[in-house]
């Protein structure tokens, strides 16, 4: 059964790397009634139109999630929403905290309110590993957004609007990814800048992220935070795969940057179950008809971190994934 058949799906931040991949996948592999791209950049929408062509099911809305009235108009008769819009650059957030708060927190609350008021059925917000035990403003705003979305089920329960969150790590090859930079420097035989040679990160491909979000839509009951079981990567292995003949220059960890990322803290693990390909975190406070997910309880003190992960990418794995 096609879960998206005859449904109208809207993606906030729809011109971003995930949004373009998700929209393209829906149009190619499913039978939606309509797919709406909601974003604030008219140039990126123009470029996306040229890339995807004139599909009669595709619509474009110019708007900002800070503008609740515009969201209300865009969400009319929408069945499902993927909330992918956010400000994401860690160093930019440290210098512009107010802007990150207005978009990532206030904008997310606007999405919640507009979805409930418009009678949207299911909403999934995209989170980040930086929202677990955050040390920078970006992570703190995304953690707050996660809490807003899980708590929104208290209000949505009265209107049959359900909210869940998907949290994953760095997306391989996405806009702003380090991979294009490393490839460019390698082509020029220049040094590869690495903040710390001990650094590890979670990595997921765009296709994996799209598939995981689709799975979450089918399985969500409202309130869950879904975390995929994905591999870790050593930053030195990434440099070796992309620039084997280049020298590595260690430049020091930037403000707000972690040595290793985390997707589930030891405190959150007490509310988490492990399934075949993912973890599911239950909300702290449940004041609606929440359905506990099935799965294996995690051991005391467990945390899901990029340096202690049981799944790893080798240099050869990275070469294959990045076509290097």
Protein backbone atom coordinates (compact mmCIF):
# COMPACT_ATOMS: atom_id res chain seq x y z
CA UNK A 1 0.00 0.00 0.00
CA UNK A 2 1.27 3.45 -0.96
CA UNK A 3 1.10 5.48 2.26
CA UNK A 4 1.35 8.74 0.29
CA UNK A 5 -1.20 7.89 -2.40
CA UNK A 6 -3.67 10.73 -2.99
CA UNK A 7 -2.19 12.73 -0.08
CA UNK A 8 -0.98 16.32 -0.05
CA UNK A 9 2.48 16.64 1.48
CA UNK A 10 4.23 19.90 2.36
CA UNK A 11 7.92 20.33 3.13
CA UNK A 12 9.12 23.44 4.96
CA UNK A 13 12.63 24.31 3.89
CA UNK A 14 11.78 22.32 0.80
CA UNK A 15 14.62 23.70 -1.34
CA UNK A 16 17.30 22.38 1.01
CA UNK A 17 19.26 19.19 0.35
CA UNK A 18 16.81 16.94 2.19
CA UNK A 19 13.74 18.73 0.83
CA UNK A 20 14.80 18.35 -2.80
CA UNK A 21 15.64 14.67 -2.31
CA UNK A 22 12.39 13.96 -0.45
CA UNK A 23 10.20 15.79 -2.96
CA UNK A 24 11.93 14.12 -5.91
CA UNK A 25 11.48 10.69 -4.32
CA UNK A 26 7.77 11.29 -3.67
CA UNK A 27 7.15 12.31 -7.26
CA UNK A 28 9.10 9.40 -8.75
CA UNK A 29 8.05 6.55 -6.45
CA UNK A 30 4.63 7.44 -5.03
CA UNK A 31 1.27 8.78 -6.14
CA UNK A 32 0.67 11.91 -4.07
CA UNK A 33 -2.13 14.25 -4.99
CA UNK A 34 0.09 17.27 -4.41
CA UNK A 35 3.57 18.09 -3.09
CA UNK A 36 4.16 21.61 -1.78
CA UNK A 37 7.59 23.19 -1.42
CA UNK A 38 7.55 25.93 1.22
CA UNK A 39 10.67 28.11 1.49
CA UNK A 40 11.77 31.72 1.54
CA UNK A 41 14.33 31.73 -1.30
CA UNK A 42 12.83 32.42 -4.72
CA UNK A 43 16.11 31.68 -6.54
CA UNK A 44 16.36 28.20 -5.03
CA UNK A 45 12.73 27.57 -5.93
CA UNK A 46 13.45 28.68 -9.51
CA UNK A 47 16.43 26.33 -9.68
CA UNK A 48 14.37 23.48 -8.22
CA UNK A 49 11.63 24.04 -10.82
CA UNK A 50 14.23 23.76 -13.58
CA UNK A 51 15.64 20.61 -12.02
CA UNK A 52 12.36 18.76 -11.42
CA UNK A 53 10.42 20.04 -14.42
CA UNK A 54 6.73 20.86 -14.77
CA UNK A 55 5.11 18.12 -12.71
CA UNK A 56 1.43 19.02 -12.31
CA UNK A 57 1.48 17.71 -8.70
CA UNK A 58 4.17 20.15 -7.61
CA UNK A 59 3.48 23.54 -5.99
CA UNK A 60 5.78 26.26 -4.67
CA UNK A 61 5.03 28.64 -1.80
CA UNK A 62 7.29 31.57 -0.96
CA UNK A 63 7.16 32.14 2.78
CA UNK A 64 8.98 32.12 6.10
CA UNK A 65 8.08 29.88 9.05
CA UNK A 66 8.31 33.02 11.20
CA UNK A 67 5.10 34.16 9.47
CA UNK A 68 2.23 32.15 10.96
CA UNK A 69 -0.40 33.71 8.66
CA UNK A 70 1.52 32.50 5.61
CA UNK A 71 1.83 29.04 7.15
CA UNK A 72 -1.93 28.93 7.70
CA UNK A 73 -2.51 29.66 4.02
CA UNK A 74 0.07 27.10 2.89
CA UNK A 75 -1.21 24.34 5.20
CA UNK A 76 -4.80 24.47 3.90
CA UNK A 77 -5.93 20.93 2.94
CA UNK A 78 -2.47 19.47 3.66
CA UNK A 79 -2.31 15.89 5.00
CA UNK A 80 1.36 15.48 5.98
CA UNK A 81 4.15 17.94 6.77
CA UNK A 82 7.91 17.49 6.97
CA UNK A 83 9.38 20.39 8.93
CA UNK A 84 12.92 20.74 7.58
CA UNK A 85 13.32 24.53 7.68
CA UNK A 86 16.01 25.74 10.09
CA UNK A 87 19.09 27.87 10.51
CA UNK A 88 21.94 25.37 10.94
CA UNK A 89 25.45 26.83 10.92
CA UNK A 90 26.94 26.43 14.41
CA UNK A 91 29.31 29.41 14.29
CA UNK A 92 26.65 31.65 12.72
CA UNK A 93 24.28 30.78 15.55
CA UNK A 94 26.81 31.81 18.18
CA UNK A 95 27.09 35.25 16.57
CA UNK A 96 23.38 35.64 15.69
CA UNK A 97 21.49 33.93 18.55
CA UNK A 98 18.28 35.94 18.19
CA UNK A 99 17.85 34.91 14.54
CA UNK A 100 18.28 31.24 15.39
CA UNK A 101 15.73 31.53 18.19
CA UNK A 102 13.20 33.26 15.92
CA UNK A 103 13.50 30.62 13.18
CA UNK A 104 14.29 27.37 14.99
CA UNK A 105 12.09 27.90 18.06
CA UNK A 106 9.41 30.50 17.31
CA UNK A 107 9.15 29.30 13.71
CA UNK A 108 8.73 25.70 14.87
CA UNK A 109 5.97 26.73 17.28
CA UNK A 110 4.27 28.50 14.38
CA UNK A 111 4.40 25.25 12.38
CA UNK A 112 2.83 23.39 15.31
CA UNK A 113 0.04 25.94 15.77
CA UNK A 114 -0.73 26.27 12.06
CA UNK A 115 -0.76 22.49 11.59
CA UNK A 116 -3.29 22.01 14.41
CA UNK A 117 -5.46 24.90 13.29
CA UNK A 118 -5.39 23.64 9.67
CA UNK A 119 -6.27 20.05 10.58
CA UNK A 120 -3.05 18.50 9.26
CA UNK A 121 -2.92 14.77 10.05
CA UNK A 122 0.79 14.03 10.63
CA UNK A 123 3.83 16.25 11.12
CA UNK A 124 7.46 15.16 11.39
CA UNK A 125 10.20 17.58 12.39
CA UNK A 126 13.81 16.96 11.42
CA UNK A 127 16.29 17.24 14.26
CA UNK A 128 20.06 16.84 14.59
CA UNK A 129 22.61 15.02 16.70
CA UNK A 130 23.61 18.43 18.04
CA UNK A 131 20.28 18.56 19.92
CA UNK A 132 21.43 15.83 22.31
CA UNK A 133 23.32 17.31 25.29
CA UNK A 134 23.79 20.56 23.33
CA UNK A 135 26.83 22.79 23.87
CA UNK A 136 26.03 25.38 21.17
CA UNK A 137 23.04 27.60 20.47
CA UNK A 138 22.07 25.74 17.31
CA UNK A 139 21.81 22.48 19.24
CA UNK A 140 19.92 24.19 22.07
CA UNK A 141 17.34 25.64 19.66
CA UNK A 142 16.85 22.27 17.97
CA UNK A 143 16.42 20.53 21.33
CA UNK A 144 13.77 23.13 22.19
CA UNK A 145 12.07 22.49 18.85
CA UNK A 146 12.10 18.74 19.59
CA UNK A 147 10.35 19.40 22.90
CA UNK A 148 7.79 21.67 21.23
CA UNK A 149 6.89 18.98 18.72
CA UNK A 150 6.55 16.12 21.18
CA UNK A 151 4.54 18.29 23.60
CA UNK A 152 2.30 19.44 20.74
CA UNK A 153 0.57 16.07 20.90
CA UNK A 154 -1.20 17.29 24.06
CA UNK A 155 -3.04 19.86 21.95
CA UNK A 156 -3.15 17.90 18.71
CA UNK A 157 -4.82 14.92 20.36
CA UNK A 158 -8.08 16.86 20.41
CA UNK A 159 -7.88 17.54 16.67
CA UNK A 160 -6.25 14.31 15.38
CA UNK A 161 -2.99 16.07 14.53
CA UNK A 162 0.04 14.00 15.52
CA UNK A 163 3.66 15.14 15.84
CA UNK A 164 6.92 13.18 15.92
CA UNK A 165 10.62 13.93 15.46
CA UNK A 166 13.39 12.31 13.41
CA UNK A 167 16.96 12.90 14.61
CA UNK A 168 20.04 11.94 12.58
CA UNK A 169 23.66 12.98 12.04
CA UNK A 170 25.59 14.66 9.26
CA UNK A 171 24.14 14.10 5.79
CA UNK A 172 26.75 13.00 3.30
CA UNK A 173 27.01 15.42 0.40
CA UNK A 174 24.35 17.84 1.64
CA UNK A 175 24.62 21.59 1.18
CA UNK A 176 27.36 22.84 3.51
CA UNK A 177 28.90 19.37 3.79
CA UNK A 178 32.66 19.13 4.26
CA UNK A 179 32.94 16.61 1.44
CA UNK A 180 32.88 19.10 -1.49
CA UNK A 181 35.47 21.24 0.33
CA UNK A 182 37.85 18.31 0.85
CA UNK A 183 37.49 17.27 -2.81
CA UNK A 184 38.17 20.81 -4.01
CA UNK A 185 41.27 21.16 -1.85
CA UNK A 186 42.53 17.74 -2.93
CA UNK A 187 42.19 18.71 -6.61
CA UNK A 188 44.44 21.72 -5.93
CA UNK A 189 46.92 19.67 -3.85
CA UNK A 190 46.23 21.91 -0.89
CA UNK A 191 46.30 21.04 2.81
CA UNK A 192 43.18 19.49 4.34
CA UNK A 193 42.09 21.45 7.44
CA UNK A 194 40.86 19.23 10.30
CA UNK A 195 39.85 20.72 13.62
CA UNK A 196 40.98 17.68 15.63
CA UNK A 197 42.33 14.35 14.36
CA UNK A 198 40.42 12.45 17.07
CA UNK A 199 37.06 13.73 15.83
CA UNK A 200 34.25 11.32 14.89
CA UNK A 201 30.83 11.93 13.38
CA UNK A 202 27.62 10.08 12.55
CA UNK A 203 26.99 9.91 8.80
CA UNK A 204 23.89 9.19 6.74
CA UNK A 205 23.24 9.44 3.01
CA UNK A 206 20.40 11.55 1.62
CA UNK A 207 18.67 8.43 0.32
CA UNK A 208 18.85 6.84 3.78
CA UNK A 209 17.45 10.00 5.39
CA UNK A 210 14.55 10.11 2.93
CA UNK A 211 13.73 6.43 3.49
CA UNK A 212 13.91 6.82 7.26
CA UNK A 213 11.52 9.78 7.31
CA UNK A 214 9.05 7.84 5.16
CA UNK A 215 9.28 4.93 7.59
CA UNK A 216 8.65 7.27 10.52
CA UNK A 217 5.50 8.62 8.84
CA UNK A 218 4.11 5.11 8.54
CA UNK A 219 4.97 4.07 12.11
CA UNK A 220 4.38 7.23 14.15
CA UNK A 221 1.60 7.43 16.70
CA UNK A 222 2.62 10.86 18.01
CA UNK A 223 5.32 11.84 20.48
CA UNK A 224 8.13 9.54 19.37
CA UNK A 225 11.65 10.68 18.57
CA UNK A 226 13.09 8.30 15.94
CA UNK A 227 16.86 7.82 15.70
CA UNK A 228 18.33 5.65 12.91
CA UNK A 229 21.13 3.19 13.62
CA UNK A 230 23.78 4.61 11.29
CA UNK A 231 27.57 4.29 11.08
CA UNK A 232 30.23 6.57 12.47
CA UNK A 233 33.21 7.92 10.59
CA UNK A 234 36.62 9.15 11.70
CA UNK A 235 37.38 12.54 10.21
CA UNK A 236 40.90 11.34 9.37
CA UNK A 237 39.41 8.43 7.39
CA UNK A 238 37.25 10.89 5.46
CA UNK A 239 40.35 12.91 4.58
CA UNK A 240 42.19 9.73 3.57
CA UNK A 241 39.32 8.66 1.30
CA UNK A 242 38.85 12.03 -0.41
CA UNK A 243 42.41 13.38 -0.41
CA UNK A 244 44.90 10.52 0.02
CA UNK A 245 47.81 12.56 -1.31
CA UNK A 246 47.15 15.73 0.69
CA UNK A 247 48.71 16.83 3.94
CA UNK A 248 46.45 17.22 6.96
CA UNK A 249 46.59 20.43 8.98
CA UNK A 250 45.09 20.36 12.47
CA UNK A 251 43.50 23.76 13.15
CA UNK A 252 41.76 23.29 16.51
CA UNK A 253 38.15 22.77 17.52
CA UNK A 254 35.87 25.70 16.68
CA UNK A 255 33.61 27.38 19.24
CA UNK A 256 30.53 25.26 19.91
CA UNK A 257 31.98 22.16 18.22
CA UNK A 258 32.10 18.73 19.89
CA UNK A 259 34.90 16.20 19.57
CA UNK A 260 32.29 13.43 19.26
CA UNK A 261 28.58 13.77 18.53
CA UNK A 262 25.73 12.18 20.46
CA UNK A 263 22.21 11.25 19.41
CA UNK A 264 20.90 9.67 22.63
CA UNK A 265 22.14 10.72 26.06
CA UNK A 266 22.42 8.30 28.97
CA UNK A 267 19.47 10.04 30.64
CA UNK A 268 17.30 9.76 27.50
CA UNK A 269 18.28 6.11 27.03
CA UNK A 270 16.07 5.16 29.99
CA UNK A 271 13.08 6.12 27.81
CA UNK A 272 14.46 4.47 24.66
CA UNK A 273 13.93 1.12 22.98
CA UNK A 274 16.10 -0.48 20.31
CA UNK A 275 14.48 -1.86 17.18
CA UNK A 276 16.11 -3.54 14.19
CA UNK A 277 17.28 -0.43 12.37
CA UNK A 278 16.56 2.37 14.83
CA UNK A 279 16.03 3.62 18.36
CA UNK A 280 12.75 5.16 19.51
CA UNK A 281 12.76 7.67 22.38
CA UNK A 282 9.53 8.25 24.30
CA UNK A 283 8.72 11.75 25.60
CA UNK A 284 9.46 12.68 29.23
CA UNK A 285 5.92 13.69 30.03
CA UNK A 286 2.90 11.98 28.46
CA UNK A 287 -0.47 13.67 28.88
CA UNK A 288 -2.20 12.16 25.87
CA UNK A 289 -3.02 8.64 24.73
CA UNK A 290 0.60 7.76 24.00
CA UNK A 291 1.39 4.29 22.66
CA UNK A 292 4.63 2.81 23.98
CA UNK A 293 6.76 1.54 21.08
CA UNK A 294 7.85 -2.11 21.06
CA UNK A 295 11.52 -2.97 21.30
CA UNK A 296 14.47 -3.93 23.48
CA UNK A 297 15.14 -1.79 26.55
CA UNK A 298 18.62 -0.31 26.62
CA UNK A 299 21.14 -1.14 29.37
CA UNK A 300 21.68 1.29 32.24
CA UNK A 301 24.05 4.11 31.30
CA UNK A 302 23.81 3.53 27.54
CA UNK A 303 24.47 6.53 25.31
CA UNK A 304 24.52 6.61 21.52
CA UNK A 305 27.73 8.46 20.61
CA UNK A 306 29.79 8.59 17.45
CA UNK A 307 32.98 7.38 19.16
CA UNK A 308 31.42 4.35 20.90
CA UNK A 309 29.13 3.32 18.03
CA UNK A 310 29.14 -0.35 16.95
CA UNK A 311 28.82 0.59 13.25
CA UNK A 312 31.76 2.19 11.38
CA UNK A 313 32.61 3.25 7.84
CA UNK A 314 36.05 2.25 6.56
CA UNK A 315 38.11 4.31 4.13
CA UNK A 316 36.93 2.02 1.30
CA UNK A 317 33.30 2.43 2.40
CA UNK A 318 33.70 6.19 2.27
CA UNK A 319 35.28 6.06 -1.18
CA UNK A 320 32.32 4.07 -2.51
CA UNK A 321 29.75 6.35 -0.93
CA UNK A 322 31.41 9.53 -2.20
CA UNK A 323 32.45 8.11 -5.59
CA UNK A 324 36.08 8.88 -4.80
